[in-house]
Amino acid sequence: MNGKLEESILLLISCNKLETQTFKLYETLSKKVNQPESSFMLGFAYDSLKCAKTIQAITDYFDMPQTDNLNFKKDIVELTNNVTDFSKKISKINNIDYEIICESLKELSNLEEQLAVIYANYAESPLVRVLSDEFSSLALNTKNFKRIFEKFNTQKQSHKEELLEIIYFFETKEADRLRNATPVVRYQNPNSWVQASFKAAPNVPA
């Protein structure tokens, strides 16, 4: 197996692991939030699992030994470890409040953006052509393979946009809660607070 083909496959194996851990993170978070956000998280989870299974089907075609080579695509490996650690952190939290849910969604939004970049770069790299050449006997060409990863890229960008919309929803909801928690009378008639204080005050001898 030539070096470029091995590099291409190893990159996809790294992406497979990353998508698998992303699936687990979304699945964990879906159990911690209410509907309809829970359904969105679960939908994103299965999109990630679908990506992982698609990539695995490609890499399984090759007889590659199992490897945990941390020197290869170290950025993807580190990202995978971060996702795994974050998933464990979320699983230990019983009650997720506004701050934690927004933090989690922002982390996921950044993750989806990074995944989109990974797939966009791969689709435009020579590694796709090297891989497609190995499948030429199956009538699969470079265009077919590029389309797979371009579709992944589009999906990740869509996930990011939807996550940002959910974050905006939570931020708006929290702002409304804080506004409603503030005594309205303070803004409607500020002097009423002063008047009420004088009425409540005891008579002080001159």
N, C-alpha and C. Protein backbone atom coordinates (compact mmCIF):
# COMPACT_ATOMS: atom_id res chain seq x y z
N MET A 1 0.85 -1.19 0.00
CA MET A 1 0.00 0.00 0.00
C MET A 1 0.90 1.25 0.00
N ASN A 2 0.62 2.17 -0.96
CA ASN A 2 1.47 3.36 -1.03
C ASN A 2 1.16 4.34 0.10
N GLY A 3 2.10 5.26 0.31
CA GLY A 3 2.00 6.16 1.45
C GLY A 3 0.79 7.06 1.42
N LYS A 4 0.43 7.59 0.26
CA LYS A 4 -0.71 8.50 0.15
C LYS A 4 -2.04 7.79 0.44
N LEU A 5 -2.14 6.55 -0.03
CA LEU A 5 -3.36 5.79 0.22
C LEU A 5 -3.49 5.50 1.72
N GLU A 6 -2.37 5.12 2.34
CA GLU A 6 -2.39 4.85 3.78
C GLU A 6 -2.75 6.12 4.56
N GLU A 7 -2.22 7.25 4.13
CA GLU A 7 -2.54 8.52 4.79
C GLU A 7 -4.03 8.83 4.69
N SER A 8 -4.58 8.59 3.50
CA SER A 8 -6.00 8.84 3.27
C SER A 8 -6.88 7.98 4.17
N ILE A 9 -6.53 6.71 4.26
CA ILE A 9 -7.33 5.78 5.07
C ILE A 9 -7.21 6.09 6.55
N LEU A 10 -5.99 6.40 7.00
CA LEU A 10 -5.79 6.72 8.41
C LEU A 10 -6.55 7.98 8.80
N LEU A 11 -6.61 8.95 7.89
CA LEU A 11 -7.38 10.16 8.17
C LEU A 11 -8.85 9.81 8.35
N LEU A 12 -9.36 8.95 7.49
CA LEU A 12 -10.77 8.55 7.58
C LEU A 12 -11.04 7.74 8.85
N ILE A 13 -10.08 6.92 9.25
CA ILE A 13 -10.24 6.16 10.50
C ILE A 13 -10.33 7.13 11.68
N SER A 14 -9.50 8.19 11.63
CA SER A 14 -9.56 9.21 12.69
C SER A 14 -10.90 9.91 12.69
N CYS A 15 -11.43 10.21 11.51
CA CYS A 15 -12.74 10.86 11.40
C CYS A 15 -13.85 9.95 11.90
N ASN A 16 -13.71 8.66 11.64
CA ASN A 16 -14.69 7.68 12.12
C ASN A 16 -14.77 7.70 13.65
N LYS A 17 -13.61 7.71 14.28
CA LYS A 17 -13.57 7.74 15.75
C LYS A 17 -14.15 9.04 16.28
N LEU A 18 -13.85 10.14 15.60
CA LEU A 18 -14.37 11.44 16.03
C LEU A 18 -15.89 11.49 15.91
N GLU A 19 -16.41 10.99 14.80
CA GLU A 19 -17.86 10.99 14.60
C GLU A 19 -18.55 10.06 15.61
N THR A 20 -17.92 8.96 15.94
CA THR A 20 -18.49 8.03 16.92
C THR A 20 -18.59 8.69 18.28
N GLN A 21 -17.55 9.42 18.67
CA GLN A 21 -17.57 10.11 19.96
C GLN A 21 -18.55 11.29 19.94
N THR A 22 -18.69 11.93 18.79
CA THR A 22 -19.66 13.01 18.65
C THR A 22 -21.08 12.48 18.81
N PHE A 23 -21.33 11.31 18.24
CA PHE A 23 -22.64 10.64 18.41
C PHE A 23 -22.92 10.42 19.89
N LYS A 24 -21.94 9.92 20.62
CA LYS A 24 -22.12 9.63 22.05
C LYS A 24 -22.37 10.91 22.85
N LEU A 25 -21.69 11.99 22.46
CA LEU A 25 -21.88 13.27 23.15
C LEU A 25 -23.30 13.79 22.95
N TYR A 26 -23.75 13.78 21.72
CA TYR A 26 -25.12 14.23 21.43
C TYR A 26 -26.15 13.35 22.14
N GLU A 27 -25.92 12.06 22.12
CA GLU A 27 -26.85 11.12 22.76
C GLU A 27 -26.91 11.38 24.26
N THR A 28 -25.75 11.62 24.88
CA THR A 28 -25.70 11.91 26.31
C THR A 28 -26.45 13.20 26.62
N LEU A 29 -26.23 14.23 25.82
CA LEU A 29 -26.87 15.52 26.05
C LEU A 29 -28.39 15.42 25.84
N SER A 30 -28.81 14.60 24.89
CA SER A 30 -30.24 14.47 24.61
C SER A 30 -31.02 13.95 25.82
N LYS A 31 -30.34 13.20 26.68
CA LYS A 31 -30.99 12.64 27.87
C LYS A 31 -31.04 13.64 29.02
N LYS A 32 -30.37 14.78 28.84
CA LYS A 32 -30.28 15.77 29.92
C LYS A 32 -31.16 17.00 29.69
N VAL A 33 -31.67 17.14 28.47
CA VAL A 33 -32.47 18.33 28.16
C VAL A 33 -33.91 17.92 27.85
N ASN A 34 -34.78 18.90 27.85
CA ASN A 34 -36.20 18.66 27.62
C ASN A 34 -36.53 18.71 26.13
N GLN A 35 -37.75 18.29 25.81
CA GLN A 35 -38.24 18.43 24.45
C GLN A 35 -38.56 19.90 24.18
N PRO A 36 -38.45 20.38 22.93
CA PRO A 36 -38.07 19.62 21.74
C PRO A 36 -36.56 19.54 21.51
N GLU A 37 -35.79 20.21 22.38
CA GLU A 37 -34.33 20.22 22.20
C GLU A 37 -33.75 18.81 22.23
N SER A 38 -34.34 17.95 23.05
CA SER A 38 -33.87 16.56 23.14
C SER A 38 -33.93 15.85 21.79
N SER A 39 -35.01 16.10 21.07
CA SER A 39 -35.18 15.46 19.75
C SER A 39 -34.14 15.98 18.75
N PHE A 40 -33.86 17.29 18.83
CA PHE A 40 -32.83 17.85 17.95
C PHE A 40 -31.48 17.20 18.23
N MET A 41 -31.13 17.08 19.52
CA MET A 41 -29.84 16.48 19.88
C MET A 41 -29.74 15.04 19.38
N LEU A 42 -30.84 14.31 19.51
CA LEU A 42 -30.84 12.91 19.08
C LEU A 42 -30.74 12.82 17.56
N GLY A 43 -31.38 13.76 16.87
CA GLY A 43 -31.26 13.78 15.41
C GLY A 43 -29.84 14.05 14.97
N PHE A 44 -29.17 15.01 15.62
CA PHE A 44 -27.77 15.30 15.31
C PHE A 44 -26.90 14.09 15.63
N ALA A 45 -27.24 13.40 16.71
CA ALA A 45 -26.46 12.22 17.12
C ALA A 45 -26.47 11.17 16.01
N TYR A 46 -27.65 10.89 15.47
CA TYR A 46 -27.74 9.84 14.46
C TYR A 46 -27.17 10.28 13.11
N ASP A 47 -27.13 11.59 12.86
CA ASP A 47 -26.42 12.08 11.68
C ASP A 47 -24.93 11.79 11.81
N SER A 48 -24.39 12.00 13.01
CA SER A 48 -22.97 11.71 13.25
C SER A 48 -22.69 10.22 13.13
N LEU A 49 -23.61 9.41 13.66
CA LEU A 49 -23.44 7.96 13.57
C LEU A 49 -23.48 7.50 12.12
N LYS A 50 -24.35 8.12 11.33
CA LYS A 50 -24.45 7.77 9.91
C LYS A 50 -23.15 8.09 9.19
N CYS A 51 -22.56 9.25 9.52
CA CYS A 51 -21.26 9.60 8.94
C CYS A 51 -20.20 8.56 9.32
N ALA A 52 -20.20 8.19 10.60
CA ALA A 52 -19.22 7.21 11.09
C ALA A 52 -19.37 5.88 10.36
N LYS A 53 -20.61 5.42 10.18
CA LYS A 53 -20.86 4.14 9.51
C LYS A 53 -20.47 4.19 8.04
N THR A 54 -20.72 5.32 7.40
CA THR A 54 -20.34 5.48 5.99
C THR A 54 -18.83 5.42 5.82
N ILE A 55 -18.13 6.14 6.69
CA ILE A 55 -16.67 6.14 6.65
C ILE A 55 -16.12 4.75 6.95
N GLN A 56 -16.72 4.08 7.93
CA GLN A 56 -16.26 2.73 8.29
C GLN A 56 -16.43 1.76 7.12
N ALA A 57 -17.53 1.92 6.37
CA ALA A 57 -17.76 1.05 5.21
C ALA A 57 -16.66 1.23 4.16
N ILE A 58 -16.18 2.46 4.05
CA ILE A 58 -15.09 2.74 3.10
C ILE A 58 -13.79 2.13 3.59
N THR A 59 -13.46 2.38 4.85
CA THR A 59 -12.17 1.91 5.38
C THR A 59 -12.12 0.39 5.53
N ASP A 60 -13.29 -0.24 5.76
CA ASP A 60 -13.32 -1.69 5.90
C ASP A 60 -12.95 -2.41 4.61
N TYR A 61 -13.02 -1.69 3.50
CA TYR A 61 -12.66 -2.27 2.20
C TYR A 61 -11.17 -2.60 2.15
N PHE A 62 -10.40 -1.89 2.98
CA PHE A 62 -8.95 -2.06 2.99
C PHE A 62 -8.51 -2.88 4.19
N ASP A 63 -7.47 -3.63 4.01
CA ASP A 63 -6.95 -4.47 5.08
C ASP A 63 -5.92 -3.68 5.87
N MET A 64 -6.47 -2.79 6.73
CA MET A 64 -5.59 -1.94 7.53
C MET A 64 -5.56 -2.44 8.95
N PRO A 65 -4.37 -2.56 9.53
CA PRO A 65 -4.29 -2.97 10.94
C PRO A 65 -4.85 -1.90 11.86
N GLN A 66 -5.42 -2.30 12.98
CA GLN A 66 -5.92 -1.34 13.97
C GLN A 66 -4.73 -0.56 14.53
N THR A 67 -4.89 0.75 14.58
CA THR A 67 -3.78 1.56 15.06
C THR A 67 -4.28 2.72 15.91
N ASP A 68 -3.51 3.09 16.87
CA ASP A 68 -3.77 4.26 17.70
C ASP A 68 -2.59 5.21 17.59
N ASN A 69 -2.14 5.40 16.36
CA ASN A 69 -0.98 6.24 16.09
C ASN A 69 -1.31 7.71 16.41
N LEU A 70 -0.87 8.18 17.56
CA LEU A 70 -1.19 9.54 18.00
C LEU A 70 -0.39 10.60 17.25
N ASN A 71 0.61 10.20 16.51
CA ASN A 71 1.40 11.16 15.77
C ASN A 71 0.74 11.54 14.45
N PHE A 72 -0.23 10.71 14.03
CA PHE A 72 -0.90 11.00 12.78
C PHE A 72 -2.16 11.80 13.05
N LYS A 73 -2.31 12.91 12.34
CA LYS A 73 -3.48 13.79 12.51
C LYS A 73 -3.74 14.06 13.99
N LYS A 74 -2.71 14.57 14.63
CA LYS A 74 -2.78 14.81 16.06
C LYS A 74 -3.92 15.74 16.44
N ASP A 75 -4.23 16.70 15.55
CA ASP A 75 -5.31 17.65 15.85
C ASP A 75 -6.66 16.94 15.94
N ILE A 76 -6.90 15.94 15.07
CA ILE A 76 -8.16 15.20 15.09
C ILE A 76 -8.21 14.30 16.32
N VAL A 77 -7.07 13.70 16.66
CA VAL A 77 -7.01 12.83 17.84
C VAL A 77 -7.30 13.65 19.10
N GLU A 78 -6.70 14.83 19.21
CA GLU A 78 -6.93 15.69 20.37
C GLU A 78 -8.38 16.14 20.44
N LEU A 79 -8.95 16.44 19.29
CA LEU A 79 -10.35 16.85 19.23
C LEU A 79 -11.25 15.70 19.69
N THR A 80 -10.93 14.50 19.25
CA THR A 80 -11.70 13.31 19.66
C THR A 80 -11.63 13.12 21.17
N ASN A 81 -10.44 13.27 21.74
CA ASN A 81 -10.27 13.13 23.20
C ASN A 81 -11.05 14.20 23.95
N ASN A 82 -11.06 15.42 23.41
CA ASN A 82 -11.82 16.51 24.04
C ASN A 82 -13.31 16.22 24.04
N VAL A 83 -13.79 15.68 22.93
CA VAL A 83 -15.22 15.33 22.83
C VAL A 83 -15.56 14.23 23.82
N THR A 84 -14.69 13.24 23.93
CA THR A 84 -14.90 12.14 24.88
C THR A 84 -14.95 12.65 26.31
N ASP A 85 -14.01 13.51 26.66
CA ASP A 85 -13.96 14.08 28.02
C ASP A 85 -15.20 14.93 28.30
N PHE A 86 -15.62 15.70 27.32
CA PHE A 86 -16.79 16.56 27.50
C PHE A 86 -18.06 15.73 27.69
N SER A 87 -18.14 14.63 26.95
CA SER A 87 -19.28 13.72 27.08
C SER A 87 -19.35 13.13 28.48
N LYS A 88 -18.19 12.75 29.03
CA LYS A 88 -18.14 12.21 30.39
C LYS A 88 -18.56 13.27 31.41
N LYS A 89 -18.13 14.50 31.17
CA LYS A 89 -18.47 15.61 32.06
C LYS A 89 -19.99 15.82 32.09
N ILE A 90 -20.61 15.82 30.91
CA ILE A 90 -22.06 16.02 30.81
C ILE A 90 -22.82 14.88 31.47
N SER A 91 -22.32 13.65 31.32
CA SER A 91 -23.02 12.48 31.87
C SER A 91 -23.08 12.51 33.39
N LYS A 92 -22.16 13.23 34.04
CA LYS A 92 -22.13 13.29 35.50
C LYS A 92 -23.00 14.40 36.08
N ILE A 93 -23.55 15.24 35.21
CA ILE A 93 -24.39 16.36 35.66
C ILE A 93 -25.85 15.92 35.69
N ASN A 94 -26.47 16.06 36.84
CA ASN A 94 -27.87 15.66 36.98
C ASN A 94 -28.83 16.72 36.46
N ASN A 95 -28.61 17.95 36.87
CA ASN A 95 -29.49 19.05 36.46
C ASN A 95 -28.71 20.07 35.64
N ILE A 96 -29.03 20.15 34.36
CA ILE A 96 -28.33 21.08 33.49
C ILE A 96 -29.07 22.42 33.48
N ASP A 97 -28.41 23.47 33.96
CA ASP A 97 -29.04 24.78 34.00
C ASP A 97 -28.75 25.54 32.71
N TYR A 98 -29.21 26.79 32.68
CA TYR A 98 -29.08 27.62 31.48
C TYR A 98 -27.62 27.76 31.04
N GLU A 99 -26.72 28.05 31.99
CA GLU A 99 -25.32 28.28 31.65
C GLU A 99 -24.66 27.03 31.07
N ILE A 100 -24.97 25.88 31.66
CA ILE A 100 -24.35 24.63 31.20
C ILE A 100 -24.86 24.24 29.82
N ILE A 101 -26.17 24.38 29.59
CA ILE A 101 -26.73 24.00 28.29
C ILE A 101 -26.16 24.90 27.19
N CYS A 102 -26.04 26.21 27.47
CA CYS A 102 -25.48 27.12 26.47
C CYS A 102 -24.01 26.83 26.22
N GLU A 103 -23.27 26.52 27.27
CA GLU A 103 -21.86 26.15 27.13
C GLU A 103 -21.73 24.89 26.26
N SER A 104 -22.59 23.91 26.53
CA SER A 104 -22.56 22.65 25.78
C SER A 104 -22.87 22.87 24.31
N LEU A 105 -23.90 23.68 24.04
CA LEU A 105 -24.31 23.93 22.66
C LEU A 105 -23.24 24.72 21.90
N LYS A 106 -22.56 25.63 22.58
CA LYS A 106 -21.49 26.39 21.94
C LYS A 106 -20.31 25.48 21.62
N GLU A 107 -20.01 24.55 22.53
CA GLU A 107 -18.94 23.57 22.27
C GLU A 107 -19.30 22.72 21.05
N LEU A 108 -20.55 22.30 20.98
CA LEU A 108 -21.00 21.48 19.85
C LEU A 108 -20.99 22.27 18.54
N SER A 109 -21.35 23.53 18.63
CA SER A 109 -21.32 24.38 17.44
C SER A 109 -19.90 24.50 16.90
N ASN A 110 -18.93 24.70 17.80
CA ASN A 110 -17.52 24.76 17.39
C ASN A 110 -17.06 23.43 16.82
N LEU A 111 -17.52 22.34 17.42
CA LEU A 111 -17.16 21.01 16.94
C LEU A 111 -17.68 20.79 15.52
N GLU A 112 -18.93 21.16 15.28
CA GLU A 112 -19.52 20.98 13.94
C GLU A 112 -18.76 21.81 12.91
N GLU A 113 -18.33 23.00 13.31
CA GLU A 113 -17.56 23.85 12.40
C GLU A 113 -16.23 23.19 12.05
N GLN A 114 -15.57 22.62 13.04
CA GLN A 114 -14.29 21.95 12.80
C GLN A 114 -14.46 20.72 11.92
N LEU A 115 -15.54 19.98 12.13
CA LEU A 115 -15.82 18.81 11.29
C LEU A 115 -16.08 19.24 9.84
N ALA A 116 -16.80 20.34 9.68
CA ALA A 116 -17.08 20.85 8.34
C ALA A 116 -15.78 21.18 7.61
N VAL A 117 -14.85 21.79 8.32
CA VAL A 117 -13.56 22.16 7.72
C VAL A 117 -12.76 20.91 7.36
N ILE A 118 -12.77 19.92 8.24
CA ILE A 118 -12.04 18.67 7.97
C ILE A 118 -12.54 18.02 6.68
N TYR A 119 -13.86 17.93 6.53
CA TYR A 119 -14.43 17.28 5.35
C TYR A 119 -14.24 18.12 4.09
N ALA A 120 -14.33 19.44 4.23
CA ALA A 120 -14.11 20.32 3.07
C ALA A 120 -12.67 20.19 2.57
N ASN A 121 -11.73 20.19 3.50
CA ASN A 121 -10.31 20.07 3.13
C ASN A 121 -10.02 18.71 2.50
N TYR A 122 -10.62 17.67 3.07
CA TYR A 122 -10.39 16.32 2.53
C TYR A 122 -10.96 16.19 1.12
N ALA A 123 -12.16 16.76 0.91
CA ALA A 123 -12.80 16.66 -0.39
C ALA A 123 -11.98 17.34 -1.49
N GLU A 124 -11.23 18.37 -1.11
CA GLU A 124 -10.44 19.11 -2.09
C GLU A 124 -8.99 18.65 -2.15
N SER A 125 -8.63 17.65 -1.36
CA SER A 125 -7.24 17.20 -1.32
C SER A 125 -7.01 16.08 -2.33
N PRO A 126 -5.72 15.83 -2.65
CA PRO A 126 -5.39 14.71 -3.56
C PRO A 126 -5.71 13.35 -2.95
N LEU A 127 -5.92 13.31 -1.63
CA LEU A 127 -6.17 12.03 -0.96
C LEU A 127 -7.47 11.37 -1.44
N VAL A 128 -8.42 12.18 -1.88
CA VAL A 128 -9.68 11.62 -2.38
C VAL A 128 -9.44 10.88 -3.70
N ARG A 129 -8.62 11.46 -4.56
CA ARG A 129 -8.31 10.81 -5.84
C ARG A 129 -7.57 9.50 -5.62
N VAL A 130 -6.63 9.51 -4.70
CA VAL A 130 -5.88 8.28 -4.39
C VAL A 130 -6.83 7.19 -3.92
N LEU A 131 -7.78 7.57 -3.08
CA LEU A 131 -8.73 6.60 -2.55
C LEU A 131 -9.67 6.10 -3.65
N SER A 132 -10.16 7.02 -4.47
CA SER A 132 -11.11 6.64 -5.52
C SER A 132 -10.48 5.72 -6.55
N ASP A 133 -9.18 5.89 -6.79
CA ASP A 133 -8.49 5.02 -7.75
C ASP A 133 -8.56 3.56 -7.31
N GLU A 134 -8.55 3.34 -5.99
CA GLU A 134 -8.62 1.98 -5.47
C GLU A 134 -10.01 1.36 -5.66
N PHE A 135 -11.01 2.22 -5.87
CA PHE A 135 -12.38 1.74 -6.07
C PHE A 135 -12.81 1.81 -7.53
N SER A 136 -11.88 2.07 -8.41
CA SER A 136 -12.22 2.25 -9.82
C SER A 136 -12.88 1.01 -10.42
N SER A 137 -12.53 -0.17 -9.95
CA SER A 137 -13.14 -1.40 -10.46
C SER A 137 -14.60 -1.51 -10.09
N LEU A 138 -15.03 -0.73 -9.09
CA LEU A 138 -16.42 -0.73 -8.65
C LEU A 138 -17.20 0.43 -9.27
N ALA A 139 -16.61 1.05 -10.27
CA ALA A 139 -17.24 2.17 -10.98
C ALA A 139 -17.47 3.38 -10.07
N LEU A 140 -16.61 3.53 -9.06
CA LEU A 140 -16.67 4.70 -8.19
C LEU A 140 -15.49 5.61 -8.54
N ASN A 141 -15.78 6.85 -8.88
CA ASN A 141 -14.71 7.77 -9.27
C ASN A 141 -14.52 8.88 -8.24
N THR A 142 -13.58 9.77 -8.55
CA THR A 142 -13.26 10.85 -7.62
C THR A 142 -14.47 11.72 -7.33
N LYS A 143 -15.27 11.97 -8.35
CA LYS A 143 -16.46 12.82 -8.19
C LYS A 143 -17.42 12.22 -7.18
N ASN A 144 -17.59 10.89 -7.24
CA ASN A 144 -18.48 10.21 -6.30
C ASN A 144 -17.99 10.38 -4.86
N PHE A 145 -16.69 10.21 -4.66
CA PHE A 145 -16.14 10.32 -3.32
C PHE A 145 -16.18 11.75 -2.81
N LYS A 146 -15.90 12.72 -3.68
CA LYS A 146 -15.95 14.12 -3.28
C LYS A 146 -17.36 14.48 -2.82
N ARG A 147 -18.35 13.94 -3.53
CA ARG A 147 -19.74 14.25 -3.20
C ARG A 147 -20.09 13.78 -1.78
N ILE A 148 -19.54 12.62 -1.38
CA ILE A 148 -19.80 12.09 -0.04
C ILE A 148 -19.35 13.08 1.02
N PHE A 149 -18.12 13.57 0.89
CA PHE A 149 -17.55 14.43 1.92
C PHE A 149 -18.06 15.87 1.80
N GLU A 150 -18.44 16.28 0.61
CA GLU A 150 -19.09 17.57 0.45
C GLU A 150 -20.46 17.56 1.15
N LYS A 151 -21.14 16.42 1.05
CA LYS A 151 -22.42 16.28 1.74
C LYS A 151 -22.22 16.32 3.26
N PHE A 152 -21.18 15.67 3.75
CA PHE A 152 -20.86 15.72 5.18
C PHE A 152 -20.62 17.18 5.60
N ASN A 153 -19.86 17.89 4.79
CA ASN A 153 -19.55 19.30 5.08
C ASN A 153 -20.83 20.13 5.19
N THR A 154 -21.72 19.95 4.24
CA THR A 154 -23.00 20.68 4.24
C THR A 154 -23.82 20.35 5.48
N GLN A 155 -23.83 19.08 5.85
CA GLN A 155 -24.58 18.65 7.03
C GLN A 155 -24.04 19.30 8.29
N LYS A 156 -22.72 19.34 8.42
CA LYS A 156 -22.11 19.93 9.62
C LYS A 156 -22.39 21.43 9.71
N GLN A 157 -22.36 22.10 8.58
CA GLN A 157 -22.67 23.53 8.57
C GLN A 157 -24.12 23.76 8.98
N SER A 158 -25.01 22.89 8.52
CA SER A 158 -26.42 22.98 8.89
C SER A 158 -26.61 22.75 10.38
N HIS A 159 -25.89 21.77 10.93
CA HIS A 159 -25.95 21.50 12.37
C HIS A 159 -25.51 22.74 13.15
N LYS A 160 -24.42 23.37 12.71
CA LYS A 160 -23.91 24.55 13.41
C LYS A 160 -24.96 25.65 13.44
N GLU A 161 -25.61 25.90 12.31
CA GLU A 161 -26.62 26.95 12.23
C GLU A 161 -27.80 26.64 13.15
N GLU A 162 -28.23 25.39 13.17
CA GLU A 162 -29.36 25.01 14.02
C GLU A 162 -28.99 25.11 15.50
N LEU A 163 -27.77 24.76 15.84
CA LEU A 163 -27.32 24.87 17.22
C LEU A 163 -27.29 26.33 17.67
N LEU A 164 -26.85 27.21 16.79
CA LEU A 164 -26.83 28.64 17.11
C LEU A 164 -28.25 29.17 17.31
N GLU A 165 -29.19 28.65 16.54
CA GLU A 165 -30.59 29.04 16.71
C GLU A 165 -31.12 28.59 18.07
N ILE A 166 -30.74 27.38 18.48
CA ILE A 166 -31.18 26.87 19.79
C ILE A 166 -30.56 27.69 20.92
N ILE A 167 -29.28 28.06 20.76
CA ILE A 167 -28.61 28.91 21.75
C ILE A 167 -29.35 30.25 21.86
N TYR A 168 -29.71 30.83 20.72
CA TYR A 168 -30.43 32.10 20.73
C TYR A 168 -31.77 31.95 21.45
N PHE A 169 -32.45 30.81 21.22
CA PHE A 169 -33.72 30.55 21.89
C PHE A 169 -33.54 30.54 23.41
N PHE A 170 -32.52 29.82 23.89
CA PHE A 170 -32.28 29.74 25.33
C PHE A 170 -31.89 31.10 25.91
N GLU A 171 -31.07 31.86 25.16
CA GLU A 171 -30.66 33.17 25.65
C GLU A 171 -31.84 34.13 25.73
N THR A 172 -32.73 34.06 24.74
CA THR A 172 -33.93 34.89 24.76
C THR A 172 -34.85 34.50 25.90
N LYS A 173 -34.98 33.20 26.10
CA LYS A 173 -35.83 32.68 27.19
C LYS A 173 -35.29 33.13 28.55
N GLU A 174 -33.98 33.08 28.71
CA GLU A 174 -33.36 33.49 29.98
C GLU A 174 -33.51 34.99 30.19
N ALA A 175 -33.36 35.77 29.12
CA ALA A 175 -33.52 37.21 29.23
C ALA A 175 -34.95 37.56 29.64
N ASP A 176 -35.93 36.85 29.08
CA ASP A 176 -37.33 37.07 29.45
C ASP A 176 -37.57 36.71 30.92
N ARG A 177 -36.94 35.63 31.36
CA ARG A 177 -37.11 35.19 32.75
C ARG A 177 -36.57 36.24 33.71
N LEU A 178 -35.40 36.77 33.39
CA LEU A 178 -34.79 37.78 34.26
C LEU A 178 -35.59 39.08 34.24
N ARG A 179 -36.13 39.42 33.08
CA ARG A 179 -36.92 40.64 32.99
C ARG A 179 -38.21 40.51 33.80
N ASN A 180 -38.84 39.34 33.73
CA ASN A 180 -40.08 39.12 34.47
C ASN A 180 -39.84 39.01 35.97
N ALA A 181 -38.62 38.65 36.34
CA ALA A 181 -38.31 38.51 37.77
C ALA A 181 -38.06 39.87 38.43
N THR A 182 -37.87 40.93 37.64
CA THR A 182 -37.62 42.26 38.18
C THR A 182 -38.94 42.95 38.47
N PRO A 183 -39.13 43.54 39.67
CA PRO A 183 -40.39 44.23 39.99
C PRO A 183 -40.72 45.31 38.97
N VAL A 184 -41.86 45.17 38.30
CA VAL A 184 -42.25 46.10 37.25
C VAL A 184 -42.55 47.47 37.82
N VAL A 185 -43.06 47.52 39.06
CA VAL A 185 -43.45 48.78 39.68
C VAL A 185 -42.28 49.75 39.74
N ARG A 186 -41.09 49.23 39.80
CA ARG A 186 -39.89 50.06 39.90
C ARG A 186 -39.74 50.93 38.66
N TYR A 187 -40.24 50.46 37.52
CA TYR A 187 -40.12 51.19 36.27
C TYR A 187 -41.40 51.97 35.95
N GLN A 188 -42.53 51.44 36.42
CA GLN A 188 -43.79 52.12 36.14
C GLN A 188 -43.94 53.38 36.98
N ASN A 189 -43.56 53.33 38.23
CA ASN A 189 -43.71 54.47 39.13
C ASN A 189 -42.61 54.43 40.19
N PRO A 190 -41.44 54.94 39.86
CA PRO A 190 -40.30 54.86 40.81
C PRO A 190 -40.62 55.50 42.15
N ASN A 191 -41.43 56.59 42.17
CA ASN A 191 -41.73 57.29 43.41
C ASN A 191 -42.54 56.44 44.39
N SER A 192 -43.24 55.41 43.84
CA SER A 192 -44.06 54.58 44.71
C SER A 192 -43.22 53.85 45.73
N TRP A 193 -41.95 53.55 45.36
CA TRP A 193 -41.06 52.88 46.31
C TRP A 193 -40.70 53.84 47.45
N VAL A 194 -40.50 55.10 47.09
CA VAL A 194 -40.16 56.11 48.11
C VAL A 194 -41.36 56.35 49.02
N GLN A 195 -42.53 56.50 48.39
CA GLN A 195 -43.75 56.76 49.16
C GLN A 195 -44.04 55.60 50.10
N ALA A 196 -43.87 54.36 49.59
CA ALA A 196 -44.14 53.18 50.42
C ALA A 196 -43.19 53.14 51.61
N SER A 197 -41.95 53.58 51.41
CA SER A 197 -40.97 53.57 52.49
C SER A 197 -41.35 54.54 53.59
N PHE A 198 -41.83 55.74 53.16
CA PHE A 198 -42.24 56.74 54.16
C PHE A 198 -43.45 56.28 54.96
N LYS A 199 -44.40 55.63 54.24
CA LYS A 199 -45.60 55.15 54.92
C LYS A 199 -45.27 54.08 55.94
N ALA A 200 -44.29 53.26 55.59
CA ALA A 200 -43.93 52.14 56.47
C ALA A 200 -43.03 52.57 57.62
N ALA A 201 -42.42 53.73 57.50
CA ALA A 201 -41.45 54.18 58.52
C ALA A 201 -42.17 54.58 59.80
N PRO A 202 -41.62 54.26 60.97
CA PRO A 202 -42.24 54.64 62.23
C PRO A 202 -42.09 56.13 62.49
N ASN A 203 -42.99 56.69 63.29
CA ASN A 203 -42.89 58.11 63.64
C ASN A 203 -41.68 58.35 64.54
N VAL A 204 -40.87 59.28 64.16
CA VAL A 204 -39.66 59.56 64.92
C VAL A 204 -39.88 60.86 65.69
N PRO A 205 -39.69 60.86 67.00
CA PRO A 205 -39.90 62.08 67.78
C PRO A 205 -39.00 63.20 67.33
N ALA A 206 -39.51 64.41 67.34
CA ALA A 206 -38.70 65.56 66.91
C ALA A 206 -37.62 65.83 67.96
